[in-house]
Amino acid sequence: AVIPPVAGGASVDDGRFRRLEIREASLDEGLLDELRAEVASAADGAVVAFVGQTRESPGTPAPGQEAEAERFAGQEVSGLSYEAFEPMALAVLDEIAGEIAARFSVHRLAIVHRVGEVGIGESSVLIVVASPHRVEAFEACRYAIEELKARAPIWKSERFADGSVWLGAPARHGPEVG
């Protein structure tokens, strides 16, 4: 028999846990504590968390946005705006979680990404992974953020005092080979 995961995309019946979420609400310290408590089990010796937050320095413009980005050279970022195609983004996050299980034997993780307006210093993504050993936990966490940024249909626009510019490269459709 196949038993579906409990509501919210999490399953704990077999020692595995997966929480994948796109949300408009703030990603605060309370949520980070909640994720750490949900992800870690008594079998885990390592819990690694990644918190991505908005910085005041500009990022790399998306292809075709280079000239627009030049208009803002030397200016500080005042905030970010994220948009996502949620069903597809969650499907990609689920693929990434499956790849993490296969590559690193890490079966307990949470990935929560924010959409909407995100101010300077505010968190835009939280990733928490747990594993019996630290090497796998670190590798899984790094893989999660790198693949999310490369593949998930989540788009970021940097805001400046007098305009905005889209960031990022075209999404890959699968993991890097090699």
N, C-alpha and C. Protein backbone atom coordinates (compact mmCIF):
# COMPACT_ATOMS: atom_id res chain seq x y z
N ALA A 1 0.84 -1.18 0.00
CA ALA A 1 0.00 0.00 0.00
C ALA A 1 0.88 1.24 0.00
N VAL A 2 0.39 2.25 -0.67
CA VAL A 2 1.08 3.54 -0.69
C VAL A 2 0.35 4.47 0.26
N ILE A 3 1.08 5.03 1.20
CA ILE A 3 0.50 5.96 2.16
C ILE A 3 0.96 7.36 1.77
N PRO A 4 0.04 8.25 1.44
CA PRO A 4 0.45 9.60 1.04
C PRO A 4 1.00 10.37 2.23
N PRO A 5 1.84 11.39 1.98
CA PRO A 5 2.35 12.21 3.07
C PRO A 5 1.22 12.98 3.74
N VAL A 6 1.46 13.40 4.98
CA VAL A 6 0.48 14.20 5.70
C VAL A 6 0.37 15.56 5.04
N ALA A 7 -0.66 16.32 5.38
CA ALA A 7 -0.88 17.65 4.78
C ALA A 7 0.37 18.50 4.91
N GLY A 8 0.65 19.29 3.88
CA GLY A 8 1.81 20.16 3.89
C GLY A 8 3.02 19.53 3.23
N GLY A 9 2.89 18.29 2.76
CA GLY A 9 3.98 17.67 2.04
C GLY A 9 5.02 17.01 2.93
N ALA A 10 4.72 16.80 4.19
CA ALA A 10 5.68 16.20 5.11
C ALA A 10 5.29 14.78 5.44
N SER A 11 6.28 13.93 5.60
CA SER A 11 6.03 12.55 5.99
C SER A 11 7.06 12.15 7.03
N VAL A 12 6.62 11.58 8.13
CA VAL A 12 7.55 11.17 9.18
C VAL A 12 7.42 9.69 9.50
N ASP A 13 6.55 8.95 8.84
CA ASP A 13 6.30 7.55 9.16
C ASP A 13 7.54 6.67 9.03
N ASP A 14 8.39 6.90 8.07
CA ASP A 14 9.54 6.04 7.81
C ASP A 14 10.86 6.74 8.14
N GLY A 15 10.83 7.75 8.97
CA GLY A 15 12.05 8.47 9.30
C GLY A 15 12.40 9.55 8.29
N ARG A 16 11.57 9.71 7.28
CA ARG A 16 11.80 10.73 6.25
C ARG A 16 10.91 11.93 6.55
N PHE A 17 11.40 13.10 6.16
CA PHE A 17 10.61 14.31 6.34
C PHE A 17 10.95 15.26 5.21
N ARG A 18 9.92 15.84 4.62
CA ARG A 18 10.14 16.79 3.52
C ARG A 18 9.06 17.87 3.63
N ARG A 19 9.50 19.12 3.78
CA ARG A 19 8.59 20.25 3.78
C ARG A 19 9.06 21.23 2.71
N LEU A 20 8.22 21.44 1.72
CA LEU A 20 8.53 22.33 0.60
C LEU A 20 7.41 23.35 0.53
N GLU A 21 7.78 24.62 0.50
CA GLU A 21 6.75 25.66 0.62
C GLU A 21 7.18 26.94 -0.09
N ILE A 22 6.21 27.57 -0.73
CA ILE A 22 6.34 28.92 -1.28
C ILE A 22 5.34 29.76 -0.50
N ARG A 23 5.76 30.89 0.06
CA ARG A 23 4.85 31.67 0.89
C ARG A 23 5.13 33.16 0.82
N GLU A 24 4.09 33.95 1.08
CA GLU A 24 4.22 35.41 1.13
C GLU A 24 4.62 35.89 2.52
N ALA A 25 4.30 35.12 3.52
CA ALA A 25 4.58 35.53 4.90
C ALA A 25 6.08 35.58 5.17
N SER A 26 6.44 36.38 6.13
CA SER A 26 7.83 36.56 6.54
C SER A 26 8.46 35.23 6.95
N LEU A 27 9.75 35.10 6.66
CA LEU A 27 10.52 33.93 7.07
C LEU A 27 11.35 34.35 8.29
N ASP A 28 10.72 34.32 9.46
CA ASP A 28 11.36 34.86 10.65
C ASP A 28 12.06 33.77 11.47
N GLU A 29 12.66 34.18 12.58
CA GLU A 29 13.39 33.25 13.45
C GLU A 29 12.47 32.16 13.99
N GLY A 30 11.21 32.50 14.22
CA GLY A 30 10.26 31.49 14.70
C GLY A 30 10.09 30.37 13.70
N LEU A 31 10.01 30.72 12.41
CA LEU A 31 9.89 29.70 11.37
C LEU A 31 11.16 28.87 11.30
N LEU A 32 12.31 29.51 11.40
CA LEU A 32 13.57 28.77 11.38
C LEU A 32 13.63 27.76 12.53
N ASP A 33 13.24 28.18 13.71
CA ASP A 33 13.18 27.28 14.86
C ASP A 33 12.20 26.13 14.61
N GLU A 34 11.05 26.46 14.04
CA GLU A 34 10.04 25.44 13.72
C GLU A 34 10.60 24.41 12.73
N LEU A 35 11.26 24.88 11.70
CA LEU A 35 11.83 23.96 10.70
C LEU A 35 12.90 23.09 11.31
N ARG A 36 13.76 23.68 12.12
CA ARG A 36 14.81 22.89 12.77
C ARG A 36 14.20 21.79 13.63
N ALA A 37 13.15 22.12 14.38
CA ALA A 37 12.50 21.13 15.23
C ALA A 37 11.81 20.04 14.41
N GLU A 38 11.21 20.42 13.27
CA GLU A 38 10.53 19.44 12.42
C GLU A 38 11.51 18.53 11.69
N VAL A 39 12.60 19.09 11.22
CA VAL A 39 13.52 18.34 10.36
C VAL A 39 14.40 17.39 11.18
N ALA A 40 14.95 17.85 12.28
CA ALA A 40 15.89 17.05 13.06
C ALA A 40 15.17 15.92 13.80
N SER A 41 15.83 14.77 13.83
CA SER A 41 15.33 13.62 14.59
C SER A 41 16.43 13.15 15.54
N ALA A 42 16.09 12.23 16.41
CA ALA A 42 17.07 11.70 17.36
C ALA A 42 18.20 10.95 16.65
N ALA A 43 17.98 10.53 15.42
CA ALA A 43 19.00 9.81 14.65
C ALA A 43 20.00 10.75 13.99
N ASP A 44 19.72 12.05 14.00
CA ASP A 44 20.56 13.00 13.28
C ASP A 44 21.62 13.63 14.18
N GLY A 45 22.85 13.60 13.69
CA GLY A 45 23.95 14.23 14.39
C GLY A 45 24.30 15.59 13.81
N ALA A 46 23.69 15.93 12.68
CA ALA A 46 23.98 17.21 12.03
C ALA A 46 22.71 17.83 11.51
N VAL A 47 22.56 19.12 11.79
CA VAL A 47 21.48 19.92 11.22
C VAL A 47 22.15 21.15 10.63
N VAL A 48 21.96 21.35 9.32
CA VAL A 48 22.56 22.48 8.64
C VAL A 48 21.43 23.35 8.10
N ALA A 49 21.54 24.65 8.36
CA ALA A 49 20.53 25.60 7.89
C ALA A 49 21.20 26.66 7.02
N PHE A 50 20.51 27.01 5.95
CA PHE A 50 20.94 28.12 5.10
C PHE A 50 19.84 29.16 5.13
N VAL A 51 20.22 30.41 5.38
CA VAL A 51 19.28 31.52 5.36
C VAL A 51 19.77 32.50 4.29
N GLY A 52 19.00 32.65 3.21
CA GLY A 52 19.32 33.63 2.19
C GLY A 52 18.58 34.91 2.51
N GLN A 53 19.30 36.03 2.53
CA GLN A 53 18.65 37.29 2.88
C GLN A 53 19.01 38.37 1.88
N THR A 54 18.17 39.38 1.82
CA THR A 54 18.35 40.50 0.90
C THR A 54 19.53 41.35 1.35
N ARG A 55 20.41 41.63 0.41
CA ARG A 55 21.55 42.49 0.69
C ARG A 55 21.40 43.80 -0.08
N GLU A 56 22.17 44.78 0.31
CA GLU A 56 22.06 46.10 -0.32
C GLU A 56 22.86 46.23 -1.61
N SER A 57 23.77 45.28 -1.87
CA SER A 57 24.56 45.35 -3.11
C SER A 57 23.85 44.58 -4.22
N PRO A 58 23.94 45.07 -5.46
CA PRO A 58 23.23 44.43 -6.58
C PRO A 58 23.80 43.07 -6.94
N GLY A 59 22.94 42.25 -7.55
CA GLY A 59 23.34 40.95 -8.04
C GLY A 59 23.60 41.01 -9.54
N THR A 60 23.67 39.85 -10.16
CA THR A 60 23.93 39.75 -11.60
C THR A 60 22.61 39.85 -12.36
N PRO A 61 22.52 40.79 -13.30
CA PRO A 61 21.25 40.94 -14.04
C PRO A 61 20.97 39.73 -14.93
N ALA A 62 19.70 39.51 -15.19
CA ALA A 62 19.28 38.44 -16.09
C ALA A 62 19.75 38.78 -17.51
N PRO A 63 19.96 37.76 -18.34
CA PRO A 63 20.31 38.03 -19.74
C PRO A 63 19.27 38.96 -20.37
N GLY A 64 19.77 39.99 -21.06
CA GLY A 64 18.89 40.98 -21.67
C GLY A 64 18.60 42.16 -20.76
N GLN A 65 18.97 42.06 -19.48
CA GLN A 65 18.73 43.14 -18.52
C GLN A 65 20.00 43.93 -18.19
N GLU A 66 21.10 43.62 -18.87
CA GLU A 66 22.38 44.26 -18.55
C GLU A 66 22.32 45.78 -18.72
N ALA A 67 21.77 46.26 -19.81
CA ALA A 67 21.70 47.71 -20.05
C ALA A 67 20.84 48.39 -18.99
N GLU A 68 19.73 47.77 -18.66
CA GLU A 68 18.85 48.32 -17.61
C GLU A 68 19.59 48.36 -16.28
N ALA A 69 20.35 47.31 -15.98
CA ALA A 69 21.10 47.25 -14.72
C ALA A 69 22.15 48.36 -14.66
N GLU A 70 22.72 48.72 -15.80
CA GLU A 70 23.72 49.79 -15.84
C GLU A 70 23.16 51.12 -15.35
N ARG A 71 21.86 51.33 -15.55
CA ARG A 71 21.22 52.57 -15.06
C ARG A 71 21.35 52.72 -13.56
N PHE A 72 21.50 51.60 -12.85
CA PHE A 72 21.52 51.61 -11.39
C PHE A 72 22.92 51.41 -10.81
N ALA A 73 23.95 51.45 -11.67
CA ALA A 73 25.33 51.25 -11.21
C ALA A 73 25.65 52.23 -10.08
N GLY A 74 26.22 51.68 -9.03
CA GLY A 74 26.61 52.51 -7.88
C GLY A 74 25.51 52.75 -6.87
N GLN A 75 24.27 52.35 -7.19
CA GLN A 75 23.17 52.55 -6.25
C GLN A 75 23.02 51.33 -5.34
N GLU A 76 22.45 51.55 -4.17
CA GLU A 76 22.16 50.46 -3.25
C GLU A 76 20.77 49.91 -3.55
N VAL A 77 20.63 48.62 -3.37
CA VAL A 77 19.34 47.94 -3.51
C VAL A 77 18.46 48.35 -2.32
N SER A 78 17.20 48.68 -2.59
CA SER A 78 16.29 49.05 -1.50
C SER A 78 15.38 47.89 -1.10
N GLY A 79 15.34 46.83 -1.91
CA GLY A 79 14.54 45.67 -1.60
C GLY A 79 14.45 44.76 -2.80
N LEU A 80 13.84 43.62 -2.61
CA LEU A 80 13.63 42.65 -3.68
C LEU A 80 12.15 42.34 -3.81
N SER A 81 11.80 41.85 -4.97
CA SER A 81 10.45 41.35 -5.19
C SER A 81 10.61 39.99 -5.87
N TYR A 82 9.95 38.98 -5.33
CA TYR A 82 10.00 37.64 -5.90
C TYR A 82 8.64 37.26 -6.46
N GLU A 83 8.67 36.59 -7.60
CA GLU A 83 7.48 35.99 -8.19
C GLU A 83 7.79 34.53 -8.46
N ALA A 84 6.77 33.69 -8.41
CA ALA A 84 6.97 32.26 -8.67
C ALA A 84 5.76 31.69 -9.38
N PHE A 85 6.01 30.69 -10.20
CA PHE A 85 4.93 29.86 -10.72
C PHE A 85 4.87 28.69 -9.74
N GLU A 86 4.01 28.84 -8.72
CA GLU A 86 4.05 27.99 -7.54
C GLU A 86 3.94 26.49 -7.82
N PRO A 87 2.97 26.01 -8.61
CA PRO A 87 2.90 24.56 -8.82
C PRO A 87 4.18 23.98 -9.43
N MET A 88 4.72 24.70 -10.40
CA MET A 88 5.94 24.23 -11.04
C MET A 88 7.14 24.37 -10.09
N ALA A 89 7.21 25.45 -9.34
CA ALA A 89 8.31 25.65 -8.39
C ALA A 89 8.32 24.54 -7.35
N LEU A 90 7.15 24.19 -6.83
CA LEU A 90 7.08 23.11 -5.84
C LEU A 90 7.47 21.77 -6.46
N ALA A 91 7.11 21.54 -7.71
CA ALA A 91 7.49 20.30 -8.40
C ALA A 91 9.01 20.24 -8.55
N VAL A 92 9.64 21.36 -8.89
CA VAL A 92 11.10 21.40 -9.03
C VAL A 92 11.76 21.18 -7.67
N LEU A 93 11.24 21.80 -6.62
CA LEU A 93 11.80 21.59 -5.29
C LEU A 93 11.68 20.13 -4.88
N ASP A 94 10.58 19.49 -5.25
CA ASP A 94 10.40 18.07 -4.96
C ASP A 94 11.43 17.22 -5.72
N GLU A 95 11.69 17.56 -6.98
CA GLU A 95 12.73 16.87 -7.75
C GLU A 95 14.09 17.02 -7.07
N ILE A 96 14.40 18.24 -6.65
CA ILE A 96 15.68 18.50 -5.99
C ILE A 96 15.78 17.69 -4.70
N ALA A 97 14.71 17.64 -3.93
CA ALA A 97 14.71 16.85 -2.69
C ALA A 97 14.96 15.37 -2.99
N GLY A 98 14.36 14.87 -4.07
CA GLY A 98 14.59 13.48 -4.47
C GLY A 98 16.04 13.25 -4.87
N GLU A 99 16.63 14.20 -5.57
CA GLU A 99 18.03 14.09 -5.96
C GLU A 99 18.94 14.11 -4.73
N ILE A 100 18.59 14.92 -3.74
CA ILE A 100 19.36 14.98 -2.50
C ILE A 100 19.31 13.63 -1.79
N ALA A 101 18.16 13.01 -1.75
CA ALA A 101 18.04 11.69 -1.14
C ALA A 101 18.92 10.68 -1.87
N ALA A 102 18.88 10.70 -3.19
CA ALA A 102 19.66 9.74 -3.99
C ALA A 102 21.16 10.01 -3.90
N ARG A 103 21.58 11.26 -3.96
CA ARG A 103 23.01 11.60 -3.99
C ARG A 103 23.68 11.56 -2.63
N PHE A 104 22.97 12.02 -1.60
CA PHE A 104 23.60 12.21 -0.30
C PHE A 104 22.98 11.38 0.83
N SER A 105 21.97 10.58 0.50
CA SER A 105 21.23 9.80 1.51
C SER A 105 20.69 10.69 2.62
N VAL A 106 20.29 11.89 2.26
CA VAL A 106 19.66 12.82 3.21
C VAL A 106 18.17 12.82 2.91
N HIS A 107 17.38 12.41 3.90
CA HIS A 107 15.95 12.22 3.70
C HIS A 107 15.10 13.14 4.57
N ARG A 108 15.74 14.08 5.26
CA ARG A 108 15.01 15.00 6.14
C ARG A 108 15.41 16.42 5.78
N LEU A 109 14.46 17.16 5.18
CA LEU A 109 14.79 18.52 4.77
C LEU A 109 13.55 19.38 4.64
N ALA A 110 13.80 20.68 4.68
CA ALA A 110 12.77 21.68 4.44
C ALA A 110 13.35 22.77 3.55
N ILE A 111 12.57 23.20 2.58
CA ILE A 111 12.92 24.33 1.73
C ILE A 111 11.70 25.24 1.69
N VAL A 112 11.86 26.46 2.18
CA VAL A 112 10.77 27.43 2.20
C VAL A 112 11.27 28.70 1.51
N HIS A 113 10.56 29.12 0.45
CA HIS A 113 10.96 30.32 -0.30
C HIS A 113 9.85 31.34 -0.22
N ARG A 114 10.23 32.57 -0.09
CA ARG A 114 9.28 33.67 0.01
C ARG A 114 9.00 34.27 -1.36
N VAL A 115 7.80 34.76 -1.55
CA VAL A 115 7.44 35.56 -2.72
C VAL A 115 6.91 36.90 -2.22
N GLY A 116 6.84 37.86 -3.13
CA GLY A 116 6.39 39.20 -2.76
C GLY A 116 7.58 40.08 -2.42
N GLU A 117 7.29 41.16 -1.71
CA GLU A 117 8.31 42.16 -1.35
C GLU A 117 9.14 41.67 -0.18
N VAL A 118 10.47 41.80 -0.31
CA VAL A 118 11.40 41.39 0.75
C VAL A 118 12.39 42.53 0.96
N GLY A 119 12.38 43.10 2.16
CA GLY A 119 13.25 44.24 2.47
C GLY A 119 14.68 43.84 2.75
N ILE A 120 15.56 44.82 2.79
CA ILE A 120 16.97 44.60 3.11
C ILE A 120 17.08 43.92 4.47
N GLY A 121 17.90 42.87 4.53
CA GLY A 121 18.10 42.13 5.77
C GLY A 121 17.05 41.09 6.07
N GLU A 122 15.97 41.06 5.29
CA GLU A 122 14.93 40.06 5.50
C GLU A 122 15.28 38.78 4.75
N SER A 123 14.83 37.65 5.28
CA SER A 123 15.10 36.35 4.67
C SER A 123 14.17 36.09 3.49
N SER A 124 14.75 35.51 2.44
CA SER A 124 13.96 35.14 1.27
C SER A 124 13.89 33.63 1.08
N VAL A 125 14.82 32.89 1.65
CA VAL A 125 14.79 31.44 1.55
C VAL A 125 15.40 30.82 2.81
N LEU A 126 14.77 29.75 3.28
CA LEU A 126 15.30 28.96 4.39
C LEU A 126 15.41 27.51 3.92
N ILE A 127 16.57 26.93 4.15
CA ILE A 127 16.78 25.51 3.85
C ILE A 127 17.36 24.88 5.11
N VAL A 128 16.74 23.80 5.54
CA VAL A 128 17.22 23.07 6.72
C VAL A 128 17.30 21.60 6.34
N VAL A 129 18.46 21.01 6.57
CA VAL A 129 18.63 19.58 6.31
C VAL A 129 19.21 18.92 7.55
N ALA A 130 18.85 17.66 7.74
CA ALA A 130 19.37 16.89 8.87
C ALA A 130 19.85 15.54 8.36
N SER A 131 20.92 15.07 8.98
CA SER A 131 21.55 13.83 8.57
C SER A 131 22.32 13.26 9.76
N PRO A 132 22.54 11.97 9.76
CA PRO A 132 23.36 11.41 10.84
C PRO A 132 24.78 12.01 10.87
N HIS A 133 25.29 12.46 9.71
CA HIS A 133 26.67 12.95 9.63
C HIS A 133 26.74 14.32 8.96
N ARG A 134 27.70 15.14 9.37
CA ARG A 134 27.79 16.53 8.92
C ARG A 134 28.14 16.68 7.45
N VAL A 135 29.01 15.83 6.91
CA VAL A 135 29.44 16.00 5.52
C VAL A 135 28.23 15.95 4.60
N GLU A 136 27.39 14.95 4.76
CA GLU A 136 26.21 14.82 3.92
C GLU A 136 25.25 15.98 4.12
N ALA A 137 25.11 16.45 5.36
CA ALA A 137 24.19 17.56 5.64
C ALA A 137 24.67 18.84 4.94
N PHE A 138 25.96 19.13 5.04
CA PHE A 138 26.49 20.32 4.36
C PHE A 138 26.34 20.22 2.85
N GLU A 139 26.71 19.07 2.29
CA GLU A 139 26.62 18.88 0.84
C GLU A 139 25.17 18.99 0.36
N ALA A 140 24.25 18.41 1.09
CA ALA A 140 22.83 18.44 0.71
C ALA A 140 22.29 19.86 0.76
N CYS A 141 22.68 20.62 1.77
CA CYS A 141 22.19 22.00 1.90
C CYS A 141 22.73 22.85 0.75
N ARG A 142 24.00 22.70 0.44
CA ARG A 142 24.57 23.47 -0.67
C ARG A 142 23.91 23.08 -2.00
N TYR A 143 23.72 21.80 -2.21
CA TYR A 143 23.07 21.34 -3.44
C TYR A 143 21.66 21.94 -3.54
N ALA A 144 20.94 21.96 -2.43
CA ALA A 144 19.58 22.48 -2.43
C ALA A 144 19.53 23.94 -2.89
N ILE A 145 20.38 24.80 -2.35
CA ILE A 145 20.32 26.21 -2.73
C ILE A 145 20.83 26.43 -4.14
N GLU A 146 21.89 25.74 -4.53
CA GLU A 146 22.42 25.93 -5.88
C GLU A 146 21.42 25.48 -6.94
N GLU A 147 20.80 24.35 -6.74
CA GLU A 147 19.84 23.83 -7.72
C GLU A 147 18.54 24.64 -7.70
N LEU A 148 18.10 25.09 -6.53
CA LEU A 148 16.91 25.95 -6.45
C LEU A 148 17.15 27.20 -7.28
N LYS A 149 18.29 27.86 -7.08
CA LYS A 149 18.58 29.09 -7.81
C LYS A 149 18.70 28.84 -9.31
N ALA A 150 19.21 27.68 -9.69
CA ALA A 150 19.44 27.38 -11.10
C ALA A 150 18.19 26.88 -11.82
N ARG A 151 17.25 26.26 -11.10
CA ARG A 151 16.16 25.54 -11.78
C ARG A 151 14.74 25.95 -11.43
N ALA A 152 14.51 26.44 -10.24
CA ALA A 152 13.14 26.71 -9.83
C ALA A 152 12.59 27.96 -10.52
N PRO A 153 11.35 27.92 -10.98
CA PRO A 153 10.74 29.10 -11.61
C PRO A 153 10.31 30.13 -10.56
N ILE A 154 11.34 30.71 -9.95
CA ILE A 154 11.18 31.77 -8.96
C ILE A 154 12.04 32.92 -9.46
N TRP A 155 11.42 34.07 -9.71
CA TRP A 155 12.10 35.20 -10.33
C TRP A 155 12.28 36.32 -9.33
N LYS A 156 13.43 37.00 -9.44
CA LYS A 156 13.79 38.04 -8.49
C LYS A 156 14.03 39.36 -9.22
N SER A 157 13.44 40.41 -8.68
CA SER A 157 13.65 41.76 -9.19
C SER A 157 14.24 42.61 -8.07
N GLU A 158 15.36 43.28 -8.37
CA GLU A 158 15.94 44.21 -7.41
C GLU A 158 15.31 45.57 -7.59
N ARG A 159 14.94 46.20 -6.46
CA ARG A 159 14.38 47.55 -6.49
C ARG A 159 15.45 48.55 -6.07
N PHE A 160 15.45 49.68 -6.77
CA PHE A 160 16.33 50.80 -6.46
C PHE A 160 15.44 52.01 -6.23
N ALA A 161 16.01 53.11 -5.81
CA ALA A 161 15.23 54.32 -5.55
C ALA A 161 14.42 54.77 -6.77
N ASP A 162 14.94 54.52 -7.99
CA ASP A 162 14.26 55.01 -9.19
C ASP A 162 13.99 53.93 -10.24
N GLY A 163 13.80 52.70 -9.81
CA GLY A 163 13.47 51.64 -10.77
C GLY A 163 13.83 50.26 -10.26
N SER A 164 13.78 49.27 -11.16
CA SER A 164 14.09 47.90 -10.78
C SER A 164 14.67 47.15 -11.97
N VAL A 165 15.29 45.99 -11.69
CA VAL A 165 15.87 45.16 -12.73
C VAL A 165 15.71 43.69 -12.33
N TRP A 166 15.43 42.83 -13.30
CA TRP A 166 15.30 41.39 -13.06
C TRP A 166 16.67 40.76 -13.00
N LEU A 167 16.82 39.76 -12.14
CA LEU A 167 18.09 39.07 -11.94
C LEU A 167 17.99 37.62 -12.35
N GLY A 168 19.15 37.02 -12.63
CA GLY A 168 19.24 35.58 -12.84
C GLY A 168 19.44 35.19 -14.29
N ALA A 169 19.70 33.92 -14.46
CA ALA A 169 19.92 33.33 -15.78
C ALA A 169 18.75 32.43 -16.11
N PRO A 170 18.60 32.07 -17.38
CA PRO A 170 17.53 31.12 -17.72
C PRO A 170 17.69 29.84 -16.91
N ALA A 171 16.59 29.29 -16.48
CA ALA A 171 16.62 28.10 -15.61
C ALA A 171 17.11 26.88 -16.37
N ARG A 172 17.89 26.04 -15.67
CA ARG A 172 18.22 24.72 -16.19
C ARG A 172 17.03 23.82 -15.97
N HIS A 173 16.98 22.71 -16.69
CA HIS A 173 15.86 21.78 -16.55
C HIS A 173 16.21 20.53 -15.77
N GLY A 174 17.44 20.42 -15.30
CA GLY A 174 17.85 19.27 -14.53
C GLY A 174 19.17 19.56 -13.83
N PRO A 175 19.65 18.60 -13.04
CA PRO A 175 20.90 18.81 -12.30
C PRO A 175 22.08 18.90 -13.25
N GLU A 176 23.12 19.59 -12.80
CA GLU A 176 24.35 19.64 -13.58
C GLU A 176 24.96 18.25 -13.58
N VAL A 177 25.51 17.87 -14.71
CA VAL A 177 26.13 16.55 -14.84
C VAL A 177 27.61 16.70 -14.56
N GLY A 178 28.14 15.76 -13.80
CA GLY A 178 29.58 15.78 -13.57
C GLY A 178 30.00 15.67 -12.19
